[in-house]
N, C-alpha and C. Protein backbone atom coordinates (compact mmCIF):
# COMPACT_ATOMS: atom_id res chain seq x y z
N MET A 1 -46.44 28.27 -4.43
CA MET A 1 -47.97 27.71 -4.92
C MET A 1 -48.52 28.76 -5.33
N VAL A 2 -49.19 28.72 -6.58
CA VAL A 2 -50.23 29.59 -7.21
C VAL A 2 -51.48 28.95 -7.22
N THR A 3 -52.54 29.69 -6.81
CA THR A 3 -53.85 29.16 -7.05
C THR A 3 -54.81 30.09 -7.49
N ALA A 4 -56.13 29.71 -8.04
CA ALA A 4 -56.87 30.75 -8.79
C ALA A 4 -58.25 30.32 -8.12
N LYS A 5 -58.88 31.58 -8.04
CA LYS A 5 -60.39 31.56 -7.41
C LYS A 5 -61.48 30.87 -8.46
N HIS A 6 -61.14 31.27 -9.90
CA HIS A 6 -62.08 30.98 -10.74
C HIS A 6 -61.41 30.04 -11.95
N ASP A 7 -62.61 29.43 -12.46
CA ASP A 7 -61.97 28.51 -13.62
C ASP A 7 -61.19 29.19 -14.70
N GLN A 8 -61.73 30.48 -15.22
CA GLN A 8 -61.11 31.32 -16.19
C GLN A 8 -59.86 31.68 -15.80
N SER A 9 -59.42 32.16 -14.48
CA SER A 9 -58.15 32.28 -14.07
C SER A 9 -57.20 31.18 -13.98
N CYS A 10 -57.78 30.07 -13.55
CA CYS A 10 -56.93 28.88 -13.52
C CYS A 10 -56.56 28.47 -14.97
N VAL A 11 -57.27 28.60 -15.94
CA VAL A 11 -56.95 28.12 -17.43
C VAL A 11 -55.97 29.22 -17.72
N GLY A 12 -56.16 30.50 -17.51
CA GLY A 12 -55.07 31.57 -17.97
C GLY A 12 -53.77 31.27 -17.21
N LEU A 13 -53.57 30.88 -16.13
CA LEU A 13 -52.43 30.72 -15.43
C LEU A 13 -51.79 29.33 -16.03
N GLN A 14 -52.43 28.21 -16.22
CA GLN A 14 -52.09 27.15 -16.76
C GLN A 14 -51.50 27.44 -18.27
N ASN A 15 -52.14 28.27 -19.05
CA ASN A 15 -51.59 28.47 -20.22
C ASN A 15 -50.29 29.35 -20.23
N GLN A 16 -50.30 30.22 -19.18
CA GLN A 16 -48.93 30.85 -19.29
C GLN A 16 -47.85 29.99 -18.68
N PHE A 17 -47.90 29.14 -17.71
CA PHE A 17 -46.80 28.04 -17.43
C PHE A 17 -46.60 27.13 -18.61
N ARG A 18 -47.86 26.76 -19.37
CA ARG A 18 -47.49 26.02 -20.56
C ARG A 18 -46.68 26.70 -21.68
N ASP A 19 -46.91 28.09 -21.81
CA ASP A 19 -46.32 28.88 -22.83
C ASP A 19 -45.05 29.63 -22.35
N ARG A 20 -44.44 29.06 -21.06
CA ARG A 20 -43.36 29.61 -20.51
C ARG A 20 -43.41 31.09 -20.23
N MET A 21 -44.41 31.54 -19.98
CA MET A 21 -44.58 32.98 -19.82
C MET A 21 -44.36 33.47 -18.25
N VAL A 22 -44.23 32.55 -17.57
CA VAL A 22 -43.90 32.61 -15.95
C VAL A 22 -42.48 32.76 -15.87
N HIS A 23 -42.17 34.07 -15.02
CA HIS A 23 -40.68 34.27 -14.56
C HIS A 23 -40.47 33.76 -13.36
N LYS A 24 -39.57 32.65 -13.41
CA LYS A 24 -39.16 31.80 -12.07
C LYS A 24 -37.85 31.93 -11.88
N VAL A 25 -37.60 32.56 -10.55
CA VAL A 25 -36.25 32.62 -10.04
C VAL A 25 -36.00 31.92 -8.80
N TYR A 26 -34.90 31.13 -8.67
CA TYR A 26 -34.56 30.29 -7.60
C TYR A 26 -33.09 30.73 -6.99
N ARG A 27 -33.10 30.36 -5.80
CA ARG A 27 -31.85 30.54 -5.09
C ARG A 27 -31.25 29.08 -4.55
N ALA A 28 -30.07 28.93 -4.66
CA ALA A 28 -29.54 27.63 -4.01
C ALA A 28 -28.12 27.74 -3.57
N LEU A 29 -27.94 26.83 -2.67
CA LEU A 29 -26.43 26.55 -1.97
C LEU A 29 -25.99 25.35 -2.96
N VAL A 30 -24.69 25.56 -3.34
CA VAL A 30 -24.14 24.36 -4.08
C VAL A 30 -22.93 24.14 -3.73
N TRP A 31 -22.47 22.96 -3.85
CA TRP A 31 -20.98 22.48 -3.53
C TRP A 31 -20.19 23.20 -4.72
N GLY A 32 -18.96 23.67 -4.17
CA GLY A 32 -18.08 24.13 -5.08
C GLY A 32 -18.26 25.68 -5.42
N ARG A 33 -17.37 26.00 -6.39
CA ARG A 33 -17.74 27.41 -6.94
C ARG A 33 -17.65 27.58 -8.47
N PRO A 34 -18.79 27.57 -9.04
CA PRO A 34 -19.01 27.52 -10.45
C PRO A 34 -18.09 28.60 -11.13
N HIS A 35 -17.63 28.07 -12.19
CA HIS A 35 -16.69 28.87 -13.03
C HIS A 35 -17.18 28.70 -14.60
N PRO A 36 -17.64 29.69 -15.32
CA PRO A 36 -17.76 30.89 -14.94
C PRO A 36 -18.72 31.46 -13.81
N LYS A 37 -18.50 32.64 -13.29
CA LYS A 37 -19.49 32.88 -12.32
C LYS A 37 -20.97 33.33 -12.79
N ARG A 38 -21.18 33.22 -14.20
CA ARG A 38 -22.66 33.49 -14.72
C ARG A 38 -22.44 32.90 -15.96
N GLY A 39 -23.57 31.93 -16.18
CA GLY A 39 -23.63 31.37 -17.42
C GLY A 39 -25.09 30.75 -17.88
N ARG A 40 -25.14 30.26 -18.94
CA ARG A 40 -26.33 29.51 -19.41
C ARG A 40 -26.09 27.94 -19.58
N ILE A 41 -26.98 27.17 -19.16
CA ILE A 41 -26.94 25.70 -19.11
C ILE A 41 -27.91 25.51 -20.11
N ASN A 42 -27.55 24.95 -21.39
CA ASN A 42 -28.69 24.53 -22.43
C ASN A 42 -28.51 23.00 -22.90
N GLN A 43 -28.74 22.32 -21.66
CA GLN A 43 -28.58 20.82 -22.22
C GLN A 43 -29.86 20.17 -22.17
N PRO A 44 -30.19 19.32 -22.92
CA PRO A 44 -31.41 18.49 -22.89
C PRO A 44 -31.73 17.60 -21.59
N ILE A 45 -32.91 17.39 -21.29
CA ILE A 45 -33.23 16.62 -20.02
C ILE A 45 -34.03 15.58 -20.38
N ALA A 46 -34.04 14.21 -19.89
CA ALA A 46 -34.86 13.15 -20.02
C ALA A 46 -34.52 12.25 -18.89
N ARG A 47 -35.52 11.32 -18.69
CA ARG A 47 -35.40 10.04 -17.73
C ARG A 47 -33.88 9.66 -17.79
N ASN A 48 -33.37 9.23 -16.83
CA ASN A 48 -31.92 8.69 -16.77
C ASN A 48 -32.12 7.24 -17.20
N PRO A 49 -31.40 6.98 -18.25
CA PRO A 49 -31.55 5.62 -18.85
C PRO A 49 -31.31 4.31 -17.93
N ARG A 50 -30.23 4.74 -17.00
CA ARG A 50 -29.77 3.76 -16.03
C ARG A 50 -30.41 3.74 -14.75
N ASP A 51 -31.13 4.71 -14.40
CA ASP A 51 -31.72 5.03 -13.07
C ASP A 51 -33.10 5.64 -13.32
N ARG A 52 -34.17 4.98 -13.37
CA ARG A 52 -35.50 5.56 -14.01
C ARG A 52 -36.27 6.70 -12.99
N ILE A 53 -35.51 6.51 -11.55
CA ILE A 53 -36.00 7.49 -10.50
C ILE A 53 -35.40 8.94 -10.95
N LYS A 54 -34.50 8.94 -11.69
CA LYS A 54 -33.62 10.15 -11.81
C LYS A 54 -33.96 10.64 -13.29
N MET A 55 -33.76 12.07 -13.46
CA MET A 55 -33.65 12.65 -14.59
C MET A 55 -32.34 12.84 -14.76
N ALA A 56 -31.70 13.05 -16.12
CA ALA A 56 -30.45 13.42 -16.55
C ALA A 56 -30.28 14.30 -17.78
N VAL A 57 -29.01 14.87 -17.89
CA VAL A 57 -28.79 15.34 -19.19
C VAL A 57 -28.71 14.25 -20.36
N VAL A 58 -29.59 14.09 -21.34
CA VAL A 58 -29.40 12.95 -22.28
C VAL A 58 -29.75 13.56 -23.63
N THR A 59 -28.69 13.38 -24.62
CA THR A 59 -28.85 13.62 -25.90
C THR A 59 -30.21 13.09 -26.49
N GLY A 60 -31.04 14.05 -26.86
CA GLY A 60 -32.41 13.83 -27.67
C GLY A 60 -33.38 14.03 -26.61
N GLY A 61 -33.04 14.36 -25.32
CA GLY A 61 -33.98 14.64 -24.36
C GLY A 61 -34.73 15.96 -24.76
N LYS A 62 -35.66 16.49 -23.83
CA LYS A 62 -36.43 17.80 -24.07
C LYS A 62 -35.41 19.11 -23.83
N THR A 63 -35.58 20.08 -24.48
CA THR A 63 -34.95 21.12 -24.32
C THR A 63 -34.91 21.65 -22.94
N ALA A 64 -33.77 22.04 -22.37
CA ALA A 64 -34.01 22.61 -21.08
C ALA A 64 -32.87 23.64 -20.86
N ILE A 65 -33.41 24.83 -20.51
CA ILE A 65 -32.46 26.06 -20.64
C ILE A 65 -32.41 26.73 -18.93
N SER A 66 -31.16 26.94 -18.30
CA SER A 66 -31.08 27.61 -17.06
C SER A 66 -30.05 28.61 -17.07
N ASP A 67 -30.22 29.75 -16.71
CA ASP A 67 -29.20 30.80 -16.57
C ASP A 67 -28.80 30.84 -15.05
N TYR A 68 -27.53 30.77 -14.70
CA TYR A 68 -27.18 30.92 -13.51
C TYR A 68 -26.27 32.02 -13.13
N GLU A 69 -26.18 32.49 -11.80
CA GLU A 69 -25.33 33.61 -11.51
C GLU A 69 -24.62 33.30 -10.16
N VAL A 70 -23.47 33.24 -9.75
CA VAL A 70 -22.97 33.14 -8.43
C VAL A 70 -23.15 34.67 -7.75
N LEU A 71 -23.85 34.41 -6.63
CA LEU A 71 -24.41 35.79 -5.85
C LEU A 71 -23.19 35.95 -4.99
N GLU A 72 -22.48 34.69 -4.40
CA GLU A 72 -21.60 34.77 -3.44
C GLU A 72 -20.83 33.66 -3.22
N GLU A 73 -19.41 33.63 -3.17
CA GLU A 73 -18.53 32.50 -3.09
C GLU A 73 -18.65 32.22 -1.40
N LEU A 74 -18.79 31.06 -0.75
CA LEU A 74 -18.79 30.98 0.53
C LEU A 74 -17.59 29.98 0.85
N GLY A 75 -16.53 30.70 1.14
CA GLY A 75 -15.28 29.90 0.99
C GLY A 75 -14.97 29.11 0.13
N LYS A 76 -14.35 27.94 0.28
CA LYS A 76 -13.73 27.15 -0.98
C LYS A 76 -14.78 26.22 -1.49
N GLU A 77 -15.59 25.80 -0.40
CA GLU A 77 -16.37 24.53 -0.59
C GLU A 77 -17.81 24.76 -1.07
N HIS A 78 -18.34 26.20 -1.18
CA HIS A 78 -19.84 26.46 -1.26
C HIS A 78 -19.86 27.81 -2.11
N ALA A 79 -20.96 27.97 -2.85
CA ALA A 79 -21.47 29.05 -3.49
C ALA A 79 -23.04 29.21 -3.42
N TYR A 80 -23.43 30.50 -3.47
CA TYR A 80 -24.96 30.73 -3.15
C TYR A 80 -25.14 31.26 -4.45
N VAL A 81 -26.07 30.81 -5.35
CA VAL A 81 -26.49 31.13 -6.79
C VAL A 81 -27.82 31.32 -6.91
N GLU A 82 -28.07 32.04 -7.89
CA GLU A 82 -29.38 32.27 -8.49
C GLU A 82 -29.62 31.86 -9.59
N VAL A 83 -30.82 31.17 -10.02
CA VAL A 83 -31.11 30.41 -11.34
C VAL A 83 -32.36 31.09 -11.70
N LEU A 84 -32.35 31.22 -12.96
CA LEU A 84 -33.53 31.78 -13.79
C LEU A 84 -33.84 30.39 -14.72
N LEU A 85 -35.06 30.10 -14.81
CA LEU A 85 -35.45 29.07 -15.53
C LEU A 85 -36.01 29.80 -16.80
N HIS A 86 -35.72 29.04 -18.01
CA HIS A 86 -36.47 29.56 -19.35
C HIS A 86 -37.23 28.46 -19.68
N THR A 87 -37.29 27.30 -19.20
CA THR A 87 -38.01 26.03 -19.32
C THR A 87 -38.46 25.34 -18.01
N GLY A 88 -39.20 24.41 -17.87
CA GLY A 88 -39.60 23.96 -16.60
C GLY A 88 -39.65 22.25 -16.59
N ARG A 89 -38.49 21.85 -16.72
CA ARG A 89 -38.52 20.41 -16.84
C ARG A 89 -38.27 19.78 -15.41
N THR A 90 -38.68 18.56 -15.31
CA THR A 90 -38.66 17.83 -14.01
C THR A 90 -37.34 17.81 -13.44
N HIS A 91 -37.19 18.24 -12.30
CA HIS A 91 -35.67 18.37 -11.52
C HIS A 91 -34.52 19.32 -12.30
N GLN A 92 -35.05 20.06 -13.30
CA GLN A 92 -34.17 20.79 -14.14
C GLN A 92 -33.04 21.46 -13.32
N ILE A 93 -33.14 22.24 -12.21
CA ILE A 93 -32.23 22.98 -11.59
C ILE A 93 -31.23 22.08 -11.10
N ARG A 94 -31.76 20.98 -10.57
CA ARG A 94 -31.02 19.90 -9.72
C ARG A 94 -29.98 19.19 -10.75
N VAL A 95 -30.78 18.76 -11.92
CA VAL A 95 -29.93 18.19 -12.85
C VAL A 95 -28.92 18.98 -13.41
N HIS A 96 -29.11 20.22 -13.82
CA HIS A 96 -28.46 21.03 -14.55
C HIS A 96 -27.12 21.59 -13.62
N LEU A 97 -27.54 22.05 -12.35
CA LEU A 97 -26.24 22.18 -11.45
C LEU A 97 -25.36 20.89 -11.14
N ALA A 98 -25.92 19.92 -11.14
CA ALA A 98 -25.22 18.41 -10.87
C ALA A 98 -24.33 18.33 -11.96
N TRP A 99 -24.89 18.58 -13.32
CA TRP A 99 -24.17 18.38 -14.60
C TRP A 99 -23.07 19.37 -14.68
N LEU A 100 -23.21 20.61 -14.28
CA LEU A 100 -22.40 21.49 -14.19
C LEU A 100 -21.02 21.11 -13.32
N GLY A 101 -21.17 20.20 -12.40
CA GLY A 101 -20.27 19.73 -11.19
C GLY A 101 -20.45 20.46 -10.04
N HIS A 102 -21.50 20.95 -9.71
CA HIS A 102 -22.07 21.76 -8.53
C HIS A 102 -23.37 21.38 -8.21
N PRO A 103 -23.38 20.16 -7.42
CA PRO A 103 -24.59 19.80 -7.08
C PRO A 103 -25.28 20.58 -5.92
N ILE A 104 -26.63 20.72 -5.70
CA ILE A 104 -27.17 21.28 -4.54
C ILE A 104 -27.06 20.80 -3.22
N VAL A 105 -26.55 21.43 -2.37
CA VAL A 105 -26.22 20.90 -1.09
C VAL A 105 -27.49 20.13 -0.43
N ALA A 106 -27.27 19.04 0.23
CA ALA A 106 -28.34 18.29 0.84
C ALA A 106 -29.24 17.56 -0.23
N ASP A 107 -29.07 17.57 -1.52
CA ASP A 107 -29.74 16.98 -2.56
C ASP A 107 -29.36 15.52 -2.63
N THR A 108 -30.10 14.59 -2.07
CA THR A 108 -29.77 13.14 -1.82
C THR A 108 -30.03 12.39 -3.15
N LEU A 109 -30.55 12.92 -4.09
CA LEU A 109 -30.99 12.35 -5.51
C LEU A 109 -29.75 12.59 -6.35
N TYR A 110 -29.30 14.01 -6.48
CA TYR A 110 -28.28 14.21 -7.74
C TYR A 110 -27.10 14.69 -7.04
N GLY A 111 -26.86 14.78 -5.64
CA GLY A 111 -25.69 15.23 -5.15
C GLY A 111 -25.06 13.94 -4.38
N ARG A 112 -23.81 14.29 -3.79
CA ARG A 112 -23.06 13.30 -3.07
C ARG A 112 -23.34 13.42 -1.53
N PRO A 113 -23.21 12.27 -0.94
CA PRO A 113 -23.59 12.21 0.45
C PRO A 113 -22.58 13.14 1.18
N ARG A 114 -23.02 14.08 1.81
CA ARG A 114 -21.85 15.06 2.47
C ARG A 114 -22.81 15.72 3.57
N HIS A 115 -22.14 16.69 4.23
CA HIS A 115 -22.84 17.40 5.31
C HIS A 115 -24.07 18.18 4.72
N ASP A 116 -25.18 18.01 5.51
CA ASP A 116 -26.53 18.72 5.11
C ASP A 116 -26.77 20.00 5.62
N TYR A 117 -25.91 20.33 6.52
CA TYR A 117 -26.06 21.75 7.56
C TYR A 117 -27.31 21.70 8.06
N GLY A 118 -27.95 20.79 8.62
CA GLY A 118 -29.33 20.70 9.28
C GLY A 118 -30.54 21.12 8.21
N LEU A 119 -30.36 20.98 6.92
CA LEU A 119 -31.33 21.35 6.12
C LEU A 119 -32.59 20.34 6.22
N CYS A 120 -33.85 20.94 5.97
CA CYS A 120 -34.88 19.86 5.92
C CYS A 120 -35.08 19.24 4.39
N GLY A 121 -34.43 19.78 3.53
CA GLY A 121 -34.32 19.27 2.12
C GLY A 121 -33.38 19.99 1.53
N GLN A 122 -33.28 19.83 0.02
CA GLN A 122 -32.13 20.26 -0.66
C GLN A 122 -32.20 21.83 -0.45
N ALA A 123 -31.24 22.50 -0.31
CA ALA A 123 -30.88 23.77 -0.52
C ALA A 123 -31.28 24.45 -1.75
N LEU A 124 -32.73 24.54 -2.03
CA LEU A 124 -33.14 25.11 -3.17
C LEU A 124 -34.51 25.87 -3.16
N HIS A 125 -34.65 27.21 -3.42
CA HIS A 125 -35.66 27.71 -2.96
C HIS A 125 -36.21 28.68 -4.19
N CYS A 126 -37.62 28.51 -4.38
CA CYS A 126 -38.20 29.68 -5.29
C CYS A 126 -38.34 30.88 -4.81
N CYS A 127 -37.46 31.81 -5.03
CA CYS A 127 -37.73 33.31 -4.36
C CYS A 127 -38.59 34.20 -5.07
N ARG A 128 -38.86 34.12 -6.44
CA ARG A 128 -39.45 35.12 -7.21
C ARG A 128 -40.35 34.35 -8.06
N LEU A 129 -41.58 34.82 -8.33
CA LEU A 129 -42.42 34.27 -9.29
C LEU A 129 -43.40 35.41 -9.89
N GLY A 130 -43.14 35.56 -11.30
CA GLY A 130 -43.86 36.89 -12.08
C GLY A 130 -44.69 36.34 -13.03
N PHE A 131 -46.00 36.83 -13.27
CA PHE A 131 -46.97 36.50 -14.36
C PHE A 131 -47.84 37.43 -14.57
N ALA A 132 -48.53 37.53 -15.55
CA ALA A 132 -49.56 38.33 -15.85
C ALA A 132 -50.79 37.89 -15.12
N HIS A 133 -51.66 38.87 -14.71
CA HIS A 133 -53.07 38.59 -14.09
C HIS A 133 -53.69 37.74 -15.09
N PRO A 134 -54.25 36.69 -14.98
CA PRO A 134 -54.96 35.97 -15.96
C PRO A 134 -56.10 36.51 -16.57
N VAL A 135 -56.72 37.57 -15.81
CA VAL A 135 -58.12 38.28 -16.38
C VAL A 135 -57.57 39.77 -16.76
N GLY A 136 -57.17 40.22 -15.63
CA GLY A 136 -56.78 41.85 -16.21
C GLY A 136 -55.48 42.05 -16.97
N GLY A 137 -54.58 41.08 -16.80
CA GLY A 137 -53.41 41.22 -17.62
C GLY A 137 -52.23 42.09 -16.85
N GLN A 138 -52.40 42.73 -15.90
CA GLN A 138 -51.57 43.42 -15.21
C GLN A 138 -50.41 42.53 -14.83
N SER A 139 -49.22 42.95 -14.64
CA SER A 139 -47.99 42.18 -14.31
C SER A 139 -47.94 41.94 -12.82
N LEU A 140 -47.59 40.72 -12.43
CA LEU A 140 -47.77 40.66 -10.90
C LEU A 140 -46.33 39.85 -10.57
N GLU A 141 -45.65 40.09 -9.46
CA GLU A 141 -44.54 39.49 -8.98
C GLU A 141 -44.71 39.16 -7.40
N PHE A 142 -44.26 38.10 -7.27
CA PHE A 142 -44.43 37.55 -5.73
C PHE A 142 -42.94 37.42 -5.31
N GLU A 143 -42.38 37.42 -3.99
CA GLU A 143 -41.26 37.17 -3.64
C GLU A 143 -41.48 36.29 -2.37
N ALA A 144 -40.56 35.54 -2.00
CA ALA A 144 -40.78 34.64 -0.76
C ALA A 144 -39.42 34.53 -0.09
N PRO A 145 -39.30 34.93 1.05
CA PRO A 145 -38.08 34.84 1.84
C PRO A 145 -37.60 33.32 1.84
N ILE A 146 -36.21 33.34 2.01
CA ILE A 146 -35.66 31.86 2.16
C ILE A 146 -36.08 31.18 3.28
N PRO A 147 -36.52 30.12 3.57
CA PRO A 147 -36.76 29.35 4.55
C PRO A 147 -35.80 29.40 5.78
N SER A 148 -36.25 29.42 6.97
CA SER A 148 -34.98 29.54 8.21
C SER A 148 -33.98 28.40 8.02
N ASP A 149 -34.31 27.30 7.69
CA ASP A 149 -33.09 26.27 7.70
C ASP A 149 -32.23 26.66 6.79
N PHE A 150 -32.68 27.06 5.44
CA PHE A 150 -31.81 27.56 4.41
C PHE A 150 -30.97 28.85 4.91
N ALA A 151 -31.57 29.73 5.42
CA ALA A 151 -30.86 31.02 6.03
C ALA A 151 -29.92 30.44 6.90
N GLN A 152 -30.07 29.55 8.03
CA GLN A 152 -29.28 29.24 8.95
C GLN A 152 -27.93 28.35 8.18
N ALA A 153 -28.19 27.63 7.19
CA ALA A 153 -27.15 26.90 6.52
C ALA A 153 -26.24 27.94 5.85
N LEU A 154 -27.07 29.28 5.11
CA LEU A 154 -26.24 30.15 4.40
C LEU A 154 -25.36 30.78 5.43
N SER A 155 -26.04 31.31 6.72
CA SER A 155 -25.11 31.98 7.69
C SER A 155 -23.88 31.14 8.04
N HIS A 156 -24.17 29.75 8.35
CA HIS A 156 -23.11 29.01 8.82
C HIS A 156 -21.86 28.99 7.89
N MET A 157 -22.29 28.80 6.48
CA MET A 157 -21.38 28.68 5.38
C MET A 157 -20.53 30.16 5.25
N ARG A 158 -21.08 31.29 5.71
CA ARG A 158 -20.58 32.50 5.67
C ARG A 158 -19.46 32.72 6.84
N GLY A 159 -19.69 31.87 7.76
CA GLY A 159 -18.74 31.86 9.00
C GLY A 159 -19.24 32.63 9.94
């Protein structure tokens, strides 16, 4: 979560998010092992025409670009991946990874009902956020450790 103390800072931050100037990096646990181990998913996203609660890869949808990299293969059933967002569509990472055939562990909307490894929600976490200070312009980067339930699931998958 990003907050601003002053209106000028708030507008500056909003502009950076709107103009895609914010660097957002996520970590996820996924089902299966993506191949290739590194790639770009450039698939448009829009509301799912058959299920209005969901988003989906849809021809004519809004541009959505995600880069992914497998950080670690966890046995034959899982992988630990990092995702860099170039756009910020609703549920973008969840939709893109599911489209790739590797839904996020414990994602009840885009995944398949399987073992959730005691996670409190889907195994997706924003680990790094970077942007320019809205007034001073200096580069700022913030990192957040993975939550304890995510860390426990990762540890369990490592054996």
